[in-house]
Amino acid sequence: MTRMTWLEKSGFLAPIIAITNRHSIRTVRDAAIQWITQQSTGSVVSDDDYCPLSLPVVAETWDGFLNDINGFHVQPQHLFDAIRSASSDQIAEGNVGGGTGMVTHEFKGGIGTSSRKHGEYTVGVLVQSNYGRRYQLTIADVPIGEEMLDELLASSWTRTTN
């Protein structure tokens, strides 16, 4: 994830937080900086302005098994389009966007959200699930992944050839 030092030292997030594949971090980061700079009036940073020196946060996940990661398909325009279409509506979840190439415990993974309210505060998370081998799957301290037979449940990592 880019800008971790800035986050740790300042505690401030940038106007843009993006997720992309590992090979597109620089493309998305540079596009975010370009967008922020184009929005800036050059004045002192306030709630109504973007700092031209703002540091976007760009996280990555490796989706190279289900995605042509070496095709370098992510372009700056994709970020600009995402920003332009951003809204406060409910976000798409599952096998969409960054969740498309995710594999979790050798099952098809994805992207999702969760939130909890505590008094006047709401804590929300965005999860892009992409980790683990099947045998590592444990629920409520029960290692159920060890009980699953690969012959019965095909792995999302299994490649087929013609």
C-alpha atoms as a PDB file:
ATOM      1  CA  MET A   1       0.000   0.000   0.000  1.00  0.00           C
ATOM      2  CA  THR A   2       1.393   3.369  -0.946  1.00  0.00           C
ATOM      3  CA  ARG A   3       1.747   6.216   1.545  1.00  0.00           C
ATOM      4  CA  MET A   4       1.744   4.076   4.700  1.00  0.00           C
ATOM      5  CA  THR A   5       4.411   6.276   6.301  1.00  0.00           C
ATOM      6  CA  TRP A   6       2.236   9.354   5.677  1.00  0.00           C
ATOM      7  CA  LEU A   7      -0.789   7.628   7.204  1.00  0.00           C
ATOM      8  CA  GLU A   8       1.159   6.481  10.253  1.00  0.00           C
ATOM      9  CA  LYS A   9       2.763   9.877  10.875  1.00  0.00           C
ATOM     10  CA  SER A  10      -0.127  12.211  10.072  1.00  0.00           C
ATOM     11  CA  GLY A  11      -3.230  10.110  10.608  1.00  0.00           C
ATOM     12  CA  PHE A  12      -4.791  11.756   7.534  1.00  0.00           C
ATOM     13  CA  LEU A  13      -6.183  10.024   4.484  1.00  0.00           C
ATOM     14  CA  ALA A  14      -5.867  11.451   1.001  1.00  0.00           C
ATOM     15  CA  PRO A  15      -8.878  12.444  -1.095  1.00  0.00           C
ATOM     16  CA  ILE A  16      -8.411   9.234  -3.095  1.00  0.00           C
ATOM     17  CA  ILE A  17      -8.119   5.660  -1.856  1.00  0.00           C
ATOM     18  CA  ALA A  18      -7.819   3.120  -4.676  1.00  0.00           C
ATOM     19  CA  ILE A  19      -7.322  -0.632  -5.029  1.00  0.00           C
ATOM     20  CA  THR A  20      -5.718  -2.182  -8.086  1.00  0.00           C
ATOM     21  CA  ASN A  21      -3.648  -5.177  -9.115  1.00  0.00           C
ATOM     22  CA  ARG A  22       0.008  -5.384  -8.205  1.00  0.00           C
ATOM     23  CA  HIS A  23       1.279  -4.410 -11.644  1.00  0.00           C
ATOM     24  CA  SER A  24      -0.899  -1.280 -11.850  1.00  0.00           C
ATOM     25  CA  ILE A  25       0.029   0.491  -8.609  1.00  0.00           C
ATOM     26  CA  ARG A  26       2.148   3.139 -10.317  1.00  0.00           C
ATOM     27  CA  THR A  27      -0.434   3.789 -13.039  1.00  0.00           C
ATOM     28  CA  VAL A  28      -3.227   4.306 -10.500  1.00  0.00           C
ATOM     29  CA  ARG A  29      -1.058   6.351  -8.126  1.00  0.00           C
ATOM     30  CA  ASP A  30       0.103   8.659 -10.924  1.00  0.00           C
ATOM     31  CA  ALA A  31      -3.455   9.051 -12.248  1.00  0.00           C
ATOM     32  CA  ALA A  32      -4.677   9.905  -8.733  1.00  0.00           C
ATOM     33  CA  ILE A  33      -1.979  12.551  -8.319  1.00  0.00           C
ATOM     34  CA  GLN A  34      -2.852  13.952 -11.754  1.00  0.00           C
ATOM     35  CA  TRP A  35      -6.550  14.154 -10.839  1.00  0.00           C
ATOM     36  CA  ILE A  36      -5.844  15.767  -7.439  1.00  0.00           C
ATOM     37  CA  THR A  37      -3.523  18.313  -9.041  1.00  0.00           C
ATOM     38  CA  GLN A  38      -6.099  19.194 -11.714  1.00  0.00           C
ATOM     39  CA  GLN A  39      -8.742  19.777  -9.006  1.00  0.00           C
ATOM     40  CA  SER A  40      -6.526  22.023  -6.905  1.00  0.00           C
ATOM     41  CA  THR A  41      -6.872  25.776  -6.871  1.00  0.00           C
ATOM     42  CA  GLY A  42      -3.372  25.978  -5.424  1.00  0.00           C
ATOM     43  CA  SER A  43      -4.652  27.605  -2.235  1.00  0.00           C
ATOM     44  CA  VAL A  44      -4.042  26.504   1.326  1.00  0.00           C
ATOM     45  CA  VAL A  45      -5.533  23.101   2.088  1.00  0.00           C
ATOM     46  CA  SER A  46      -9.029  23.281   3.544  1.00  0.00           C
ATOM     47  CA  ASP A  47     -12.070  21.052   3.666  1.00  0.00           C
ATOM     48  CA  ASP A  48     -13.166  22.537   0.352  1.00  0.00           C
ATOM     49  CA  ASP A  49      -9.876  22.162  -1.506  1.00  0.00           C
ATOM     50  CA  TYR A  50      -7.423  19.480  -2.527  1.00  0.00           C
ATOM     51  CA  CYS A  51      -3.733  19.901  -1.844  1.00  0.00           C
ATOM     52  CA  PRO A  52      -1.545  19.612  -4.950  1.00  0.00           C
ATOM     53  CA  LEU A  53       0.909  17.668  -2.795  1.00  0.00           C
ATOM     54  CA  SER A  54      -1.756  15.249  -1.595  1.00  0.00           C
ATOM     55  CA  LEU A  55      -0.656  11.666  -1.291  1.00  0.00           C
ATOM     56  CA  PRO A  56      -3.143   9.114  -2.633  1.00  0.00           C
ATOM     57  CA  VAL A  57      -3.415   5.732  -0.963  1.00  0.00           C
ATOM     58  CA  VAL A  58      -3.227   2.876  -3.464  1.00  0.00           C
ATOM     59  CA  ALA A  59      -3.534  -0.695  -2.209  1.00  0.00           C
ATOM     60  CA  GLU A  60      -2.932  -3.788  -4.275  1.00  0.00           C
ATOM     61  CA  THR A  61      -3.876  -7.427  -4.478  1.00  0.00           C
ATOM     62  CA  TRP A  62      -2.366 -10.041  -6.752  1.00  0.00           C
ATOM     63  CA  ASP A  63      -5.023 -11.290  -9.128  1.00  0.00           C
ATOM     64  CA  GLY A  64      -2.677 -12.848 -11.670  1.00  0.00           C
ATOM     65  CA  PHE A  65      -4.230 -16.283 -11.601  1.00  0.00           C
ATOM     66  CA  LEU A  66      -7.697 -15.206 -12.755  1.00  0.00           C
ATOM     67  CA  ASN A  67      -6.616 -12.005 -14.541  1.00  0.00           C
ATOM     68  CA  ASP A  68      -4.181 -11.182 -17.332  1.00  0.00           C
ATOM     69  CA  ILE A  69      -2.058  -9.164 -14.897  1.00  0.00           C
ATOM     70  CA  ASN A  70       0.795  -8.909 -17.405  1.00  0.00           C
ATOM     71  CA  GLY A  71      -1.493  -7.287 -19.972  1.00  0.00           C
ATOM     72  CA  PHE A  72      -1.261  -3.920 -18.180  1.00  0.00           C
ATOM     73  CA  HIS A  73      -4.894  -3.183 -18.996  1.00  0.00           C
ATOM     74  CA  VAL A  74      -5.466  -0.625 -16.208  1.00  0.00           C
ATOM     75  CA  GLN A  75      -5.087   2.884 -17.615  1.00  0.00           C
ATOM     76  CA  PRO A  76      -5.411   6.367 -16.028  1.00  0.00           C
ATOM     77  CA  GLN A  77      -8.821   6.831 -17.655  1.00  0.00           C
ATOM     78  CA  HIS A  78     -10.164   3.920 -15.580  1.00  0.00           C
ATOM     79  CA  LEU A  79      -9.420   5.852 -12.382  1.00  0.00           C
ATOM     80  CA  PHE A  80     -10.865   9.077 -13.799  1.00  0.00           C
ATOM     81  CA  ASP A  81     -14.054   7.204 -14.783  1.00  0.00           C
ATOM     82  CA  ALA A  82     -14.300   5.619 -11.315  1.00  0.00           C
ATOM     83  CA  ILE A  83     -13.969   9.003  -9.622  1.00  0.00           C
ATOM     84  CA  ARG A  84     -16.547  10.571 -11.945  1.00  0.00           C
ATOM     85  CA  SER A  85     -19.064   7.783 -11.285  1.00  0.00           C
ATOM     86  CA  ALA A  86     -18.494   7.658  -7.497  1.00  0.00           C
ATOM     87  CA  SER A  87     -21.628   8.084  -5.406  1.00  0.00           C
ATOM     88  CA  SER A  88     -22.950   7.476  -1.924  1.00  0.00           C
ATOM     89  CA  ASP A  89     -25.137   4.638  -3.206  1.00  0.00           C
ATOM     90  CA  GLN A  90     -24.530   1.083  -2.055  1.00  0.00           C
ATOM     91  CA  ILE A  91     -21.389  -0.274  -3.701  1.00  0.00           C
ATOM     92  CA  ALA A  92     -21.285  -3.359  -5.879  1.00  0.00           C
ATOM     93  CA  GLU A  93     -19.927  -6.408  -4.084  1.00  0.00           C
ATOM     94  CA  GLY A  94     -18.776  -9.902  -4.994  1.00  0.00           C
ATOM     95  CA  ASN A  95     -17.219 -10.746  -8.334  1.00  0.00           C
ATOM     96  CA  VAL A  96     -16.909  -7.133  -9.508  1.00  0.00           C
ATOM     97  CA  GLY A  97     -14.111  -4.608  -9.938  1.00  0.00           C
ATOM     98  CA  GLY A  98     -11.092  -5.507  -7.852  1.00  0.00           C
ATOM     99  CA  GLY A  99     -12.920  -8.579  -6.554  1.00  0.00           C
ATOM    100  CA  THR A 100     -12.990 -10.216  -9.976  1.00  0.00           C
ATOM    101  CA  GLY A 101      -9.584 -11.888  -9.694  1.00  0.00           C
ATOM    102  CA  MET A 102      -9.709 -12.861  -6.013  1.00  0.00           C
ATOM    103  CA  VAL A 103      -9.230 -16.426  -4.737  1.00  0.00           C
ATOM    104  CA  THR A 104      -9.751 -17.298  -1.058  1.00  0.00           C
ATOM    105  CA  HIS A 105      -8.902 -20.771   0.264  1.00  0.00           C
ATOM    106  CA  GLU A 106      -8.967 -21.908  -3.379  1.00  0.00           C
ATOM    107  CA  PHE A 107     -12.606 -20.781  -3.708  1.00  0.00           C
ATOM    108  CA  LYS A 108     -13.665 -17.800  -5.803  1.00  0.00           C
ATOM    109  CA  GLY A 109     -13.158 -14.730  -3.607  1.00  0.00           C
ATOM    110  CA  GLY A 110     -14.410 -11.202  -4.079  1.00  0.00           C
ATOM    111  CA  ILE A 111     -14.970  -7.815  -2.514  1.00  0.00           C
ATOM    112  CA  GLY A 112     -17.436  -6.894   0.215  1.00  0.00           C
ATOM    113  CA  THR A 113     -18.284  -4.577   3.075  1.00  0.00           C
ATOM    114  CA  SER A 114     -19.299  -4.709   6.692  1.00  0.00           C
ATOM    115  CA  SER A 115     -20.169  -2.038   9.239  1.00  0.00           C
ATOM    116  CA  ARG A 116     -21.152  -1.736  12.861  1.00  0.00           C
ATOM    117  CA  LYS A 117     -22.703   1.145  14.761  1.00  0.00           C
ATOM    118  CA  HIS A 118     -21.579   1.982  18.256  1.00  0.00           C
ATOM    119  CA  GLY A 119     -23.434   4.936  19.686  1.00  0.00           C
ATOM    120  CA  GLU A 120     -23.052   7.840  17.291  1.00  0.00           C
ATOM    121  CA  TYR A 121     -20.132   6.200  15.450  1.00  0.00           C
ATOM    122  CA  THR A 122     -20.153   3.816  12.525  1.00  0.00           C
ATOM    123  CA  VAL A 123     -17.095   1.740  11.702  1.00  0.00           C
ATOM    124  CA  GLY A 124     -16.996   0.388   8.178  1.00  0.00           C
ATOM    125  CA  VAL A 125     -14.614  -1.926   6.365  1.00  0.00           C
ATOM    126  CA  LEU A 126     -14.015  -2.873   2.770  1.00  0.00           C
ATOM    127  CA  VAL A 127     -12.680  -6.410   2.377  1.00  0.00           C
ATOM    128  CA  GLN A 128     -11.045  -7.710  -0.769  1.00  0.00           C
ATOM    129  CA  SER A 129     -10.585 -11.379   0.098  1.00  0.00           C
ATOM    130  CA  ASN A 130      -7.555 -12.986  -1.579  1.00  0.00           C
ATOM    131  CA  TYR A 131      -5.583 -15.396   0.594  1.00  0.00           C
ATOM    132  CA  GLY A 132      -5.048 -18.923   1.852  1.00  0.00           C
ATOM    133  CA  ARG A 133      -4.927 -22.508   0.707  1.00  0.00           C
ATOM    134  CA  ARG A 134      -7.945 -24.715   1.188  1.00  0.00           C
ATOM    135  CA  TYR A 135      -6.377 -26.754   3.995  1.00  0.00           C
ATOM    136  CA  GLN A 136      -5.938 -23.509   5.987  1.00  0.00           C
ATOM    137  CA  LEU A 137      -9.686 -22.750   6.095  1.00  0.00           C
ATOM    138  CA  THR A 138     -10.794 -22.698   9.731  1.00  0.00           C
ATOM    139  CA  ILE A 139     -14.208 -21.624  11.024  1.00  0.00           C
ATOM    140  CA  ALA A 140     -14.849 -21.327  14.775  1.00  0.00           C
ATOM    141  CA  ASP A 141     -11.550 -23.151  15.439  1.00  0.00           C
ATOM    142  CA  VAL A 142     -12.640 -26.107  13.304  1.00  0.00           C
ATOM    143  CA  PRO A 143     -10.152 -26.876  10.488  1.00  0.00           C
ATOM    144  CA  ILE A 144     -12.840 -27.667   7.926  1.00  0.00           C
ATOM    145  CA  GLY A 145     -10.494 -27.067   5.010  1.00  0.00           C
ATOM    146  CA  GLU A 146      -8.608 -30.243   5.907  1.00  0.00           C
ATOM    147  CA  GLU A 147     -11.860 -32.192   5.499  1.00  0.00           C
ATOM    148  CA  MET A 148     -12.653 -30.904   2.012  1.00  0.00           C
ATOM    149  CA  LEU A 149     -11.682 -33.198  -0.830  1.00  0.00           C
ATOM    150  CA  ASP A 150     -10.284 -31.490  -3.891  1.00  0.00           C
ATOM    151  CA  GLU A 151     -11.963 -34.159  -6.051  1.00  0.00           C
ATOM    152  CA  LEU A 152     -15.373 -32.925  -4.886  1.00  0.00           C
ATOM    153  CA  LEU A 153     -14.673 -29.183  -4.898  1.00  0.00           C
ATOM    154  CA  ALA A 154     -12.475 -27.938  -7.703  1.00  0.00           C
ATOM    155  CA  SER A 155      -9.922 -25.317  -6.777  1.00  0.00           C
ATOM    156  CA  SER A 156     -10.200 -21.878  -8.383  1.00  0.00           C
ATOM    157  CA  TRP A 157      -6.471 -22.267  -8.981  1.00  0.00           C
ATOM    158  CA  THR A 158      -6.997 -25.308 -11.233  1.00  0.00           C
ATOM    159  CA  ARG A 159      -6.146 -24.448 -14.794  1.00  0.00           C
ATOM    160  CA  THR A 160      -7.825 -26.212 -17.662  1.00  0.00           C
ATOM    161  CA  THR A 161      -6.176 -26.681 -21.020  1.00  0.00           C
ATOM    162  CA  ASN A 162      -7.730 -27.295 -24.411  1.00  0.00           C
END
